[in-house]
N, C-alpha and C. Protein backbone atom coordinates (compact mmCIF):
# COMPACT_ATOMS: atom_id res chain seq x y z
N MET A 1 -104.55 -161.99 -31.82
CA MET A 1 -104.21 -161.00 -32.80
C MET A 1 -103.02 -161.51 -33.60
N ALA A 2 -103.10 -161.43 -34.91
CA ALA A 2 -102.03 -161.88 -35.80
C ALA A 2 -100.91 -160.84 -35.84
N ILE A 3 -99.70 -161.31 -35.93
CA ILE A 3 -98.56 -160.42 -36.07
C ILE A 3 -98.15 -160.41 -37.54
N THR A 4 -98.05 -159.23 -38.10
CA THR A 4 -97.69 -159.08 -39.50
C THR A 4 -96.22 -158.72 -39.60
N LYS A 5 -95.51 -159.45 -40.42
CA LYS A 5 -94.09 -159.17 -40.64
C LYS A 5 -93.97 -158.19 -41.79
N LEU A 6 -93.30 -157.07 -41.55
CA LEU A 6 -93.05 -156.10 -42.60
C LEU A 6 -91.70 -156.36 -43.23
N VAL A 7 -91.66 -156.35 -44.52
CA VAL A 7 -90.41 -156.45 -45.24
C VAL A 7 -90.26 -155.18 -46.07
N ALA A 8 -89.05 -154.87 -46.47
CA ALA A 8 -88.79 -153.62 -47.18
C ALA A 8 -89.68 -153.46 -48.41
N ASP A 9 -89.93 -154.55 -49.14
CA ASP A 9 -90.74 -154.44 -50.36
C ASP A 9 -92.21 -154.15 -50.07
N SER A 10 -92.66 -154.39 -48.84
CA SER A 10 -94.07 -154.17 -48.54
C SER A 10 -94.36 -152.74 -48.10
N LEU A 11 -93.32 -151.95 -47.87
CA LEU A 11 -93.52 -150.56 -47.47
C LEU A 11 -93.85 -149.71 -48.70
N GLY A 12 -94.76 -148.80 -48.54
CA GLY A 12 -95.17 -147.94 -49.65
C GLY A 12 -94.07 -146.97 -50.05
N THR A 13 -94.24 -146.38 -51.21
CA THR A 13 -93.22 -145.46 -51.71
C THR A 13 -93.12 -144.19 -50.88
N GLY A 14 -94.18 -143.83 -50.16
CA GLY A 14 -94.16 -142.63 -49.34
C GLY A 14 -93.58 -142.84 -47.96
N VAL A 15 -93.20 -144.07 -47.64
CA VAL A 15 -92.66 -144.37 -46.32
C VAL A 15 -91.16 -144.14 -46.32
N GLY A 16 -90.69 -143.26 -45.47
CA GLY A 16 -89.27 -142.96 -45.41
C GLY A 16 -88.50 -143.95 -44.56
N GLY A 17 -87.19 -143.90 -44.70
CA GLY A 17 -86.33 -144.72 -43.88
C GLY A 17 -85.83 -145.99 -44.52
N LYS A 18 -86.34 -146.34 -45.70
CA LYS A 18 -85.86 -147.54 -46.38
C LYS A 18 -84.46 -147.30 -46.93
N VAL A 19 -83.62 -148.33 -46.86
CA VAL A 19 -82.30 -148.26 -47.49
C VAL A 19 -82.48 -148.55 -48.97
N LEU A 20 -82.13 -147.61 -49.83
CA LEU A 20 -82.35 -147.74 -51.26
C LEU A 20 -81.12 -148.26 -52.00
N GLN A 21 -79.95 -147.90 -51.54
CA GLN A 21 -78.71 -148.41 -52.14
C GLN A 21 -77.57 -148.29 -51.14
N VAL A 22 -76.58 -149.14 -51.32
CA VAL A 22 -75.41 -149.14 -50.44
C VAL A 22 -74.16 -149.17 -51.31
N VAL A 23 -73.20 -148.30 -51.00
CA VAL A 23 -71.92 -148.24 -51.70
C VAL A 23 -70.84 -148.31 -50.62
N SER A 24 -69.81 -149.11 -50.85
CA SER A 24 -68.73 -149.15 -49.87
C SER A 24 -67.38 -149.18 -50.57
N ALA A 25 -66.35 -148.77 -49.85
CA ALA A 25 -65.00 -148.74 -50.39
C ALA A 25 -64.02 -148.98 -49.25
N THR A 26 -62.85 -149.46 -49.61
CA THR A 26 -61.77 -149.66 -48.65
C THR A 26 -60.50 -149.01 -49.21
N TYR A 27 -59.58 -148.74 -48.31
CA TYR A 27 -58.29 -148.20 -48.72
C TYR A 27 -57.24 -148.64 -47.72
N SER A 28 -56.11 -149.10 -48.20
CA SER A 28 -55.10 -149.64 -47.29
C SER A 28 -53.68 -149.14 -47.56
N THR A 29 -53.53 -148.08 -48.32
CA THR A 29 -52.20 -147.53 -48.60
C THR A 29 -51.81 -146.54 -47.50
N TYR A 30 -50.66 -146.76 -46.92
CA TYR A 30 -50.16 -145.87 -45.87
C TYR A 30 -49.97 -144.47 -46.45
N THR A 31 -50.57 -143.48 -45.81
CA THR A 31 -50.56 -142.10 -46.29
C THR A 31 -50.16 -141.20 -45.13
N THR A 32 -49.20 -140.30 -45.36
CA THR A 32 -48.72 -139.43 -44.28
C THR A 32 -48.77 -137.97 -44.68
N THR A 33 -48.69 -137.10 -43.66
CA THR A 33 -48.59 -135.67 -43.90
C THR A 33 -47.92 -134.99 -42.70
N THR A 34 -47.33 -133.87 -42.95
CA THR A 34 -46.84 -132.99 -41.88
C THR A 34 -47.66 -131.70 -41.87
N SER A 35 -48.61 -131.59 -42.79
CA SER A 35 -49.37 -130.36 -42.99
C SER A 35 -50.47 -130.18 -41.94
N GLY A 36 -50.74 -128.94 -41.61
CA GLY A 36 -51.86 -128.59 -40.75
C GLY A 36 -53.14 -128.38 -41.53
N THR A 37 -53.09 -128.53 -42.86
CA THR A 37 -54.26 -128.43 -43.73
C THR A 37 -54.74 -129.84 -44.05
N TYR A 38 -56.06 -130.02 -44.11
CA TYR A 38 -56.61 -131.35 -44.38
C TYR A 38 -56.10 -131.91 -45.70
N GLN A 39 -55.64 -133.16 -45.65
CA GLN A 39 -55.12 -133.89 -46.80
C GLN A 39 -55.99 -135.12 -47.05
N ASN A 40 -56.06 -135.57 -48.29
CA ASN A 40 -56.83 -136.78 -48.60
C ASN A 40 -56.16 -138.00 -47.99
N SER A 41 -56.97 -138.85 -47.38
CA SER A 41 -56.47 -140.10 -46.81
C SER A 41 -56.45 -141.21 -47.85
N GLY A 42 -57.16 -140.99 -48.96
CA GLY A 42 -57.32 -142.01 -49.99
C GLY A 42 -58.64 -142.75 -49.85
N LEU A 43 -59.32 -142.58 -48.73
CA LEU A 43 -60.59 -143.26 -48.49
C LEU A 43 -61.73 -142.40 -49.02
N THR A 44 -62.38 -142.87 -50.08
CA THR A 44 -63.44 -142.10 -50.71
C THR A 44 -64.47 -143.03 -51.35
N ALA A 45 -65.70 -142.57 -51.44
CA ALA A 45 -66.77 -143.31 -52.12
C ALA A 45 -67.78 -142.31 -52.66
N SER A 46 -68.46 -142.69 -53.73
CA SER A 46 -69.46 -141.80 -54.36
C SER A 46 -70.79 -142.50 -54.44
N ILE A 47 -71.85 -141.70 -54.37
CA ILE A 47 -73.22 -142.22 -54.47
C ILE A 47 -74.07 -141.18 -55.19
N THR A 48 -75.06 -141.63 -55.93
CA THR A 48 -75.98 -140.74 -56.63
C THR A 48 -77.39 -140.98 -56.09
N PRO A 49 -77.90 -140.07 -55.26
CA PRO A 49 -79.26 -140.23 -54.72
C PRO A 49 -80.31 -140.22 -55.82
N SER A 50 -81.37 -140.97 -55.62
CA SER A 50 -82.43 -141.05 -56.63
C SER A 50 -83.49 -139.96 -56.46
N SER A 51 -83.46 -139.23 -55.34
CA SER A 51 -84.42 -138.16 -55.10
C SER A 51 -83.78 -137.09 -54.23
N THR A 52 -84.20 -135.85 -54.42
CA THR A 52 -83.65 -134.75 -53.62
C THR A 52 -84.11 -134.82 -52.16
N SER A 53 -85.15 -135.59 -51.87
CA SER A 53 -85.64 -135.70 -50.48
C SER A 53 -84.93 -136.81 -49.70
N ASN A 54 -84.10 -137.60 -50.38
CA ASN A 54 -83.41 -138.69 -49.71
C ASN A 54 -82.18 -138.21 -48.96
N LYS A 55 -81.75 -139.01 -48.02
CA LYS A 55 -80.58 -138.69 -47.20
C LYS A 55 -79.48 -139.71 -47.48
N VAL A 56 -78.27 -139.39 -47.06
CA VAL A 56 -77.14 -140.30 -47.20
C VAL A 56 -76.54 -140.51 -45.81
N LEU A 57 -76.52 -141.77 -45.38
CA LEU A 57 -75.90 -142.13 -44.12
C LEU A 57 -74.49 -142.61 -44.42
N ILE A 58 -73.50 -141.97 -43.79
CA ILE A 58 -72.10 -142.30 -44.02
C ILE A 58 -71.54 -142.96 -42.76
N LEU A 59 -70.98 -144.14 -42.91
CA LEU A 59 -70.31 -144.87 -41.82
C LEU A 59 -68.86 -145.05 -42.23
N PHE A 60 -67.92 -144.79 -41.33
CA PHE A 60 -66.52 -144.94 -41.70
C PHE A 60 -65.68 -145.42 -40.53
N ASN A 61 -64.59 -146.05 -40.86
CA ASN A 61 -63.60 -146.48 -39.89
C ASN A 61 -62.22 -146.20 -40.49
N VAL A 62 -61.47 -145.32 -39.86
CA VAL A 62 -60.11 -145.01 -40.31
C VAL A 62 -59.16 -145.79 -39.41
N ALA A 63 -58.39 -146.66 -40.02
CA ALA A 63 -57.51 -147.55 -39.27
C ALA A 63 -56.06 -147.10 -39.37
N GLY A 64 -55.28 -147.56 -38.43
CA GLY A 64 -53.84 -147.30 -38.47
C GLY A 64 -53.46 -145.85 -38.38
N ILE A 65 -54.19 -145.06 -37.58
CA ILE A 65 -53.84 -143.66 -37.39
C ILE A 65 -52.56 -143.63 -36.56
N ILE A 66 -51.57 -142.89 -37.01
CA ILE A 66 -50.29 -142.93 -36.33
C ILE A 66 -49.71 -141.53 -36.14
N THR A 67 -49.15 -141.31 -34.96
CA THR A 67 -48.36 -140.11 -34.69
C THR A 67 -46.96 -140.59 -34.37
N GLN A 68 -45.97 -139.86 -34.83
CA GLN A 68 -44.61 -140.37 -34.73
C GLN A 68 -43.67 -139.51 -33.90
N ALA A 69 -44.21 -138.66 -33.05
CA ALA A 69 -43.35 -137.84 -32.21
C ALA A 69 -44.15 -137.33 -31.02
N ILE A 70 -43.44 -136.87 -30.01
CA ILE A 70 -44.09 -136.34 -28.81
C ILE A 70 -44.89 -135.09 -29.17
N ASN A 71 -46.03 -134.94 -28.52
CA ASN A 71 -46.92 -133.78 -28.68
C ASN A 71 -47.39 -133.58 -30.11
N THR A 72 -47.66 -134.67 -30.81
CA THR A 72 -48.19 -134.60 -32.16
C THR A 72 -49.62 -135.15 -32.12
N GLY A 73 -50.55 -134.40 -32.66
CA GLY A 73 -51.94 -134.83 -32.72
C GLY A 73 -52.40 -134.90 -34.16
N VAL A 74 -53.49 -135.65 -34.38
CA VAL A 74 -54.03 -135.79 -35.73
C VAL A 74 -55.53 -135.53 -35.68
N SER A 75 -56.05 -134.90 -36.71
CA SER A 75 -57.47 -134.61 -36.81
C SER A 75 -58.03 -135.38 -38.00
N ILE A 76 -59.14 -136.08 -37.80
CA ILE A 76 -59.81 -136.86 -38.84
C ILE A 76 -61.15 -136.19 -39.13
N ALA A 77 -61.49 -135.99 -40.41
CA ALA A 77 -62.73 -135.31 -40.75
C ALA A 77 -63.37 -135.89 -42.00
N LEU A 78 -64.70 -135.85 -42.04
CA LEU A 78 -65.48 -136.27 -43.20
C LEU A 78 -65.76 -135.06 -44.07
N HIS A 79 -65.49 -135.19 -45.37
CA HIS A 79 -65.75 -134.13 -46.34
C HIS A 79 -66.67 -134.64 -47.44
N LYS A 80 -67.48 -133.74 -47.98
CA LYS A 80 -68.23 -134.02 -49.22
C LYS A 80 -67.57 -133.14 -50.25
N SER A 81 -66.87 -133.77 -51.19
CA SER A 81 -65.98 -133.05 -52.11
C SER A 81 -64.98 -132.27 -51.25
N SER A 82 -64.99 -130.95 -51.32
CA SER A 82 -64.04 -130.18 -50.51
C SER A 82 -64.70 -129.53 -49.30
N THR A 83 -65.98 -129.81 -49.05
CA THR A 83 -66.70 -129.20 -47.94
C THR A 83 -66.61 -130.05 -46.69
N LEU A 84 -66.14 -129.46 -45.61
CA LEU A 84 -66.07 -130.15 -44.32
C LEU A 84 -67.48 -130.37 -43.79
N LEU A 85 -67.83 -131.64 -43.51
CA LEU A 85 -69.14 -131.96 -42.95
C LEU A 85 -69.07 -132.22 -41.46
N TYR A 86 -68.02 -132.90 -41.03
CA TYR A 86 -68.00 -133.43 -39.67
C TYR A 86 -66.57 -133.72 -39.26
N THR A 87 -66.15 -133.14 -38.14
CA THR A 87 -64.85 -133.46 -37.59
C THR A 87 -65.04 -134.58 -36.59
N ALA A 88 -64.53 -135.75 -36.95
CA ALA A 88 -64.77 -136.93 -36.15
C ALA A 88 -63.83 -137.04 -34.96
N TRP A 89 -62.64 -136.52 -35.12
CA TRP A 89 -61.63 -136.72 -34.08
C TRP A 89 -60.65 -135.57 -34.12
N GLU A 90 -60.88 -134.56 -33.34
CA GLU A 90 -60.08 -133.35 -33.43
C GLU A 90 -58.72 -133.49 -32.75
N TYR A 91 -58.65 -134.18 -31.63
CA TYR A 91 -57.38 -134.30 -30.93
C TYR A 91 -56.95 -135.75 -30.79
N GLY A 92 -57.47 -136.60 -31.61
CA GLY A 92 -57.22 -138.02 -31.48
C GLY A 92 -55.77 -138.40 -31.65
N CYS A 93 -55.41 -139.50 -31.05
CA CYS A 93 -54.07 -140.08 -31.20
C CYS A 93 -52.99 -139.07 -30.84
N TYR A 94 -53.19 -138.39 -29.75
CA TYR A 94 -52.22 -137.39 -29.29
C TYR A 94 -51.09 -138.11 -28.58
N ASN A 95 -49.94 -138.10 -29.16
CA ASN A 95 -48.81 -138.91 -28.68
C ASN A 95 -48.06 -138.17 -27.58
N THR A 96 -47.80 -138.86 -26.47
CA THR A 96 -47.05 -138.27 -25.36
C THR A 96 -45.71 -138.97 -25.15
N SER A 97 -45.36 -139.85 -26.07
CA SER A 97 -44.06 -140.51 -25.97
C SER A 97 -43.37 -140.44 -27.33
N SER A 98 -42.13 -140.82 -27.38
CA SER A 98 -41.39 -140.72 -28.63
C SER A 98 -41.56 -141.95 -29.51
N THR A 99 -42.36 -142.91 -29.09
CA THR A 99 -42.61 -144.09 -29.91
C THR A 99 -43.87 -143.90 -30.73
N ASP A 100 -43.98 -144.68 -31.81
CA ASP A 100 -45.18 -144.60 -32.64
C ASP A 100 -46.41 -144.97 -31.81
N ASN A 101 -47.50 -144.28 -32.06
CA ASN A 101 -48.75 -144.51 -31.36
C ASN A 101 -49.82 -144.73 -32.42
N GLN A 102 -50.47 -145.90 -32.41
CA GLN A 102 -51.48 -146.19 -33.42
C GLN A 102 -52.87 -146.31 -32.80
N ALA A 103 -53.88 -145.91 -33.56
CA ALA A 103 -55.26 -145.95 -33.09
C ALA A 103 -56.19 -146.07 -34.30
N PHE A 104 -57.49 -146.01 -34.06
CA PHE A 104 -58.47 -145.97 -35.14
C PHE A 104 -59.57 -145.01 -34.75
N CYS A 105 -60.34 -144.59 -35.74
CA CYS A 105 -61.44 -143.65 -35.52
C CYS A 105 -62.63 -144.10 -36.34
N SER A 106 -63.77 -144.29 -35.70
CA SER A 106 -65.01 -144.64 -36.39
C SER A 106 -66.00 -143.51 -36.22
N GLY A 107 -66.88 -143.34 -37.20
CA GLY A 107 -67.88 -142.30 -37.10
C GLY A 107 -69.03 -142.53 -38.05
N CYS A 108 -70.08 -141.77 -37.85
CA CYS A 108 -71.23 -141.81 -38.76
C CYS A 108 -71.81 -140.40 -38.85
N TYR A 109 -72.44 -140.14 -39.99
CA TYR A 109 -73.00 -138.82 -40.24
C TYR A 109 -74.17 -138.98 -41.19
N LEU A 110 -75.29 -138.31 -40.91
CA LEU A 110 -76.46 -138.33 -41.78
C LEU A 110 -76.50 -137.01 -42.55
N ASP A 111 -76.31 -137.11 -43.87
CA ASP A 111 -76.29 -135.93 -44.73
C ASP A 111 -77.62 -135.78 -45.44
N SER A 112 -78.07 -134.55 -45.60
CA SER A 112 -79.29 -134.23 -46.37
C SER A 112 -78.86 -133.41 -47.58
N PRO A 113 -78.38 -134.07 -48.64
CA PRO A 113 -77.74 -133.33 -49.74
C PRO A 113 -78.69 -132.59 -50.67
N SER A 114 -79.99 -132.92 -50.70
CA SER A 114 -80.95 -132.29 -51.62
C SER A 114 -80.41 -132.29 -53.05
N SER A 115 -79.93 -133.45 -53.49
CA SER A 115 -79.29 -133.55 -54.80
C SER A 115 -79.56 -134.91 -55.43
N THR A 116 -79.56 -134.93 -56.76
CA THR A 116 -79.58 -136.20 -57.49
C THR A 116 -78.32 -136.32 -58.35
N SER A 117 -77.32 -135.54 -58.02
CA SER A 117 -76.02 -135.62 -58.70
C SER A 117 -75.12 -136.57 -57.92
N SER A 118 -74.07 -137.02 -58.57
CA SER A 118 -73.10 -137.88 -57.91
C SER A 118 -72.40 -137.10 -56.78
N LEU A 119 -72.33 -137.70 -55.60
CA LEU A 119 -71.73 -137.06 -54.43
C LEU A 119 -70.53 -137.88 -53.98
N ALA A 120 -69.39 -137.23 -53.84
CA ALA A 120 -68.17 -137.91 -53.39
C ALA A 120 -67.93 -137.56 -51.93
N TYR A 121 -67.88 -138.58 -51.08
CA TYR A 121 -67.57 -138.41 -49.67
C TYR A 121 -66.18 -138.96 -49.43
N ASN A 122 -65.37 -138.22 -48.66
CA ASN A 122 -64.01 -138.68 -48.41
C ASN A 122 -63.55 -138.31 -47.01
N ILE A 123 -62.59 -139.08 -46.55
CA ILE A 123 -62.01 -138.83 -45.24
C ILE A 123 -60.68 -138.11 -45.45
N LYS A 124 -60.51 -137.03 -44.72
CA LYS A 124 -59.26 -136.28 -44.78
C LYS A 124 -58.66 -136.23 -43.38
N PHE A 125 -57.36 -135.95 -43.33
CA PHE A 125 -56.69 -135.86 -42.05
C PHE A 125 -55.64 -134.77 -42.09
N ARG A 126 -55.24 -134.30 -40.92
CA ARG A 126 -54.23 -133.26 -40.85
C ARG A 126 -53.44 -133.41 -39.56
N ASN A 127 -52.28 -132.78 -39.55
CA ASN A 127 -51.46 -132.71 -38.36
C ASN A 127 -52.03 -131.59 -37.50
N LYS A 128 -52.35 -131.89 -36.28
CA LYS A 128 -53.01 -130.92 -35.41
C LYS A 128 -52.05 -129.96 -34.72
N ASN A 129 -50.79 -130.37 -34.51
CA ASN A 129 -49.94 -129.58 -33.63
C ASN A 129 -48.64 -129.03 -34.19
N ASN A 130 -47.93 -129.80 -34.98
CA ASN A 130 -46.61 -129.33 -35.41
C ASN A 130 -46.21 -130.01 -36.71
N SER A 131 -44.96 -129.93 -37.07
CA SER A 131 -44.53 -130.43 -38.37
C SER A 131 -44.12 -131.91 -38.38
N ASN A 132 -44.26 -132.60 -37.26
CA ASN A 132 -43.96 -134.03 -37.26
C ASN A 132 -44.98 -134.78 -38.10
N SER A 133 -44.60 -135.95 -38.55
CA SER A 133 -45.45 -136.73 -39.45
C SER A 133 -46.60 -137.43 -38.70
N VAL A 134 -47.77 -137.40 -39.33
CA VAL A 134 -48.91 -138.20 -38.89
C VAL A 134 -49.38 -138.99 -40.10
N GLY A 135 -50.07 -140.11 -39.88
CA GLY A 135 -50.49 -140.92 -41.01
C GLY A 135 -51.72 -141.74 -40.70
N VAL A 136 -52.23 -142.35 -41.76
CA VAL A 136 -53.37 -143.27 -41.66
C VAL A 136 -53.05 -144.51 -42.49
N GLN A 137 -53.74 -145.59 -42.17
CA GLN A 137 -53.54 -146.90 -42.81
C GLN A 137 -52.12 -147.44 -42.58
N ALA A 138 -51.55 -147.16 -41.41
CA ALA A 138 -50.22 -147.67 -41.08
C ALA A 138 -50.29 -149.18 -40.86
N SER A 139 -49.17 -149.84 -40.98
CA SER A 139 -49.03 -151.28 -40.70
C SER A 139 -49.99 -152.12 -41.53
N SER A 140 -50.19 -151.74 -42.78
CA SER A 140 -51.06 -152.49 -43.71
C SER A 140 -52.51 -152.59 -43.23
N SER A 141 -52.96 -151.64 -42.43
CA SER A 141 -54.35 -151.65 -41.97
C SER A 141 -55.27 -151.13 -43.07
N THR A 142 -56.55 -151.48 -42.99
CA THR A 142 -57.52 -151.11 -44.01
C THR A 142 -58.61 -150.23 -43.41
N SER A 143 -58.83 -149.08 -44.03
CA SER A 143 -59.92 -148.18 -43.65
C SER A 143 -61.12 -148.45 -44.54
N THR A 144 -62.33 -148.18 -44.02
CA THR A 144 -63.55 -148.46 -44.77
C THR A 144 -64.50 -147.27 -44.70
N ILE A 145 -65.30 -147.13 -45.76
CA ILE A 145 -66.39 -146.15 -45.78
C ILE A 145 -67.59 -146.80 -46.46
N THR A 146 -68.76 -146.58 -45.88
CA THR A 146 -70.01 -147.12 -46.44
C THR A 146 -71.01 -145.99 -46.54
N LEU A 147 -71.63 -145.85 -47.71
CA LEU A 147 -72.66 -144.85 -47.96
C LEU A 147 -73.98 -145.56 -48.17
N MET A 148 -75.03 -145.10 -47.50
CA MET A 148 -76.36 -145.68 -47.68
C MET A 148 -77.35 -144.58 -48.04
N GLU A 149 -78.02 -144.75 -49.17
CA GLU A 149 -79.09 -143.82 -49.51
C GLU A 149 -80.34 -144.25 -48.75
N ILE A 150 -80.90 -143.31 -47.99
CA ILE A 150 -82.08 -143.58 -47.15
C ILE A 150 -83.24 -142.78 -47.72
N ALA A 151 -84.37 -143.46 -47.93
CA ALA A 151 -85.55 -142.79 -48.46
C ALA A 151 -85.97 -141.66 -47.52
N GLY A 152 -86.31 -140.50 -48.08
CA GLY A 152 -86.71 -139.35 -47.30
C GLY A 152 -88.02 -139.58 -46.55
N TRP A 153 -88.21 -138.76 -45.53
CA TRP A 153 -89.44 -138.87 -44.75
C TRP A 153 -90.00 -137.51 -44.47
């Protein structure tokens, strides 16, 4: 029996799951907050789906997450414009000492936007516990976000 190799171009238009486009962005500016409300981390990317039946797969890595005081926590979340989609790390980087504590957070989320308009996805962060400073992209670290339009199925 012969084995047939499938390549993306050989799949029919009705076959879902093909990657149609990829958009990625990086951000490396140290950003801090003392707020308990989600703030922009600076990491954002936009994509325009070609069909309302397509999905968007979002992959991200937030680097250099830092808490700078005892009992300070940070929350990392994925937003589409101002809408919260996914809380990736609710109690992450919870510092139990008075020294800086650095970490990273990676995540993925499959969105079904039902849209052919431009969609902006961004990572936001907030101070989980008190008024001490928390931050992202500390120590010249680089955060990344990748958006993939996936053909609907």
